[in-house]
């Protein structure tokens, strides 16, 4: 039963990759005023799907080798070690994600401090009622 569900998911993903590949191929063909036969886009889609399956297996093995259950960005970069341009692009992308995460974290901390300052100053600025002496 589980194997059948896995096959259905695999077929669904393959179909989605075919659709995405066909639309990309059509858009690029239109942009450069060229015709691309449907069989070529199907071949490219199958190649992309098989590459993705191979990459997923490699990533799983890298994380298992490191005794982890979760794939990290380092695993993805290691998987591209045969293609230096791709590895460099992935490192750059990883660095930009890390930098963006740090900026976001700093902004959240700064916002929390601003909110805390605003809350505490609002307590100080509340009007104090004078006691009326008789």
Protein backbone atom coordinates (compact mmCIF):
# COMPACT_ATOMS: atom_id res chain seq x y z
CA UNK A 1 0.00 0.00 0.00
CA UNK A 2 2.74 2.45 0.99
CA UNK A 3 4.78 1.60 -2.12
CA UNK A 4 1.76 2.39 -4.29
CA UNK A 5 1.34 5.80 -2.60
CA UNK A 6 5.05 6.54 -3.11
CA UNK A 7 4.68 5.71 -6.80
CA UNK A 8 1.63 7.99 -7.08
CA UNK A 9 3.55 10.85 -5.44
CA UNK A 10 6.50 10.21 -7.74
CA UNK A 11 4.24 10.28 -10.80
CA UNK A 12 2.59 13.50 -9.63
CA UNK A 13 5.98 15.17 -9.13
CA UNK A 14 7.18 13.96 -12.53
CA UNK A 15 4.05 15.42 -14.17
CA UNK A 16 4.53 18.75 -12.42
CA UNK A 17 8.17 18.90 -13.51
CA UNK A 18 7.07 18.12 -17.09
CA UNK A 19 4.53 20.95 -17.00
CA UNK A 20 7.02 23.41 -15.52
CA UNK A 21 9.72 22.39 -17.99
CA UNK A 22 7.34 22.69 -20.94
CA UNK A 23 6.25 26.17 -19.90
CA UNK A 24 9.85 27.30 -19.38
CA UNK A 25 10.88 25.83 -22.74
CA UNK A 26 7.96 27.54 -24.49
CA UNK A 27 8.76 30.89 -22.88
CA UNK A 28 12.45 30.67 -23.78
CA UNK A 29 11.66 29.50 -27.32
CA UNK A 30 9.30 32.44 -27.76
CA UNK A 31 11.90 34.83 -26.34
CA UNK A 32 14.61 33.74 -28.78
CA UNK A 33 12.13 33.07 -31.62
CA UNK A 34 12.86 29.37 -31.91
CA UNK A 35 10.77 26.20 -31.99
CA UNK A 36 11.41 23.47 -29.43
CA UNK A 37 9.70 20.14 -30.09
CA UNK A 38 7.60 18.72 -27.27
CA UNK A 39 9.72 15.55 -27.18
CA UNK A 40 12.78 17.66 -26.31
CA UNK A 41 11.03 19.36 -23.39
CA UNK A 42 9.84 15.94 -22.16
CA UNK A 43 13.42 14.61 -22.33
CA UNK A 44 14.68 17.65 -20.41
CA UNK A 45 11.94 17.18 -17.81
CA UNK A 46 12.83 13.50 -17.36
CA UNK A 47 16.51 14.39 -17.06
CA UNK A 48 15.72 17.04 -14.42
CA UNK A 49 13.54 14.61 -12.49
CA UNK A 50 16.19 11.88 -12.51
CA UNK A 51 18.82 14.42 -11.43
CA UNK A 52 16.56 15.55 -8.57
CA UNK A 53 16.09 11.94 -7.45
CA UNK A 54 19.85 11.35 -7.55
CA UNK A 55 20.49 14.60 -5.67
CA UNK A 56 17.94 13.67 -2.99
CA UNK A 57 19.65 10.32 -2.43
CA UNK A 58 23.06 12.02 -2.19
CA UNK A 59 21.75 14.57 0.31
CA UNK A 60 20.21 11.83 2.40
CA UNK A 61 23.52 9.94 2.43
CA UNK A 62 25.50 13.07 3.37
CA UNK A 63 23.21 13.81 6.31
CA UNK A 64 23.25 10.16 7.45
CA UNK A 65 27.04 10.14 7.24
CA UNK A 66 27.08 13.15 9.57
CA UNK A 67 24.67 11.29 11.88
CA UNK A 68 21.86 13.73 11.25
CA UNK A 69 18.26 13.22 10.19
CA UNK A 70 17.96 16.66 8.62
CA UNK A 71 19.64 17.85 5.42
CA UNK A 72 21.53 21.12 5.85
CA UNK A 73 22.72 23.70 3.38
CA UNK A 74 26.27 22.36 3.78
CA UNK A 75 25.07 19.02 2.41
CA UNK A 76 23.69 20.75 -0.67
CA UNK A 77 26.97 22.61 -1.22
CA UNK A 78 28.96 19.38 -0.80
CA UNK A 79 26.74 17.67 -3.37
CA UNK A 80 27.82 20.26 -5.94
CA UNK A 81 31.56 19.69 -5.40
CA UNK A 82 32.06 18.41 -8.97
CA UNK A 83 30.73 21.65 -10.44
CA UNK A 84 32.76 24.57 -9.06
CA UNK A 85 30.49 27.24 -10.58
CA UNK A 86 27.43 25.68 -9.02
CA UNK A 87 29.21 25.21 -5.68
CA UNK A 88 30.29 28.87 -5.70
CA UNK A 89 26.74 29.99 -6.51
CA UNK A 90 25.35 27.85 -3.71
CA UNK A 91 27.90 29.21 -1.22
CA UNK A 92 27.01 32.76 -2.23
CA UNK A 93 23.29 32.00 -1.91
CA UNK A 94 23.87 30.40 1.49
CA UNK A 95 25.86 33.43 2.66
CA UNK A 96 23.12 35.81 1.53
CA UNK A 97 20.48 33.73 3.35
CA UNK A 98 22.59 33.73 6.50
CA UNK A 99 23.13 37.49 6.28
CA UNK A 100 19.41 38.09 5.73
CA UNK A 101 18.57 35.89 8.72
CA UNK A 102 20.98 37.86 10.92
CA UNK A 103 19.52 41.17 9.74
CA UNK A 104 16.01 39.91 10.39
CA UNK A 105 16.99 38.67 13.85
CA UNK A 106 18.58 42.05 14.69
CA UNK A 107 15.50 43.90 13.46
CA UNK A 108 13.23 41.70 15.61
CA UNK A 109 15.41 42.33 18.66
CA UNK A 110 15.47 46.06 17.93
CA UNK A 111 11.68 46.08 17.51
CA UNK A 112 11.24 44.24 20.81
CA UNK A 113 13.45 46.81 22.56
CA UNK A 114 11.50 49.67 20.98
CA UNK A 115 8.21 48.05 22.05
CA UNK A 116 9.58 47.54 25.58
CA UNK A 117 10.75 51.16 25.76
CA UNK A 118 7.39 52.39 24.50
CA UNK A 119 5.50 50.25 26.99
CA UNK A 120 7.59 51.34 29.97
CA UNK A 121 7.50 55.02 29.00
CA UNK A 122 3.73 54.89 28.61
CA UNK A 123 3.48 53.79 32.22
CA UNK A 124 5.57 56.77 33.26
CA UNK A 125 3.52 59.21 31.26
CA UNK A 126 0.16 58.28 32.71
CA UNK A 127 -1.36 61.18 34.60
CA UNK A 128 -1.14 60.95 38.35
CA UNK A 129 -4.20 62.08 40.23
CA UNK A 130 -3.51 64.42 43.10
CA UNK A 131 -5.05 63.55 46.39
CA UNK A 132 -7.52 66.11 47.54
CA UNK A 133 -6.97 67.06 51.16
CA UNK A 134 -9.85 68.25 53.19
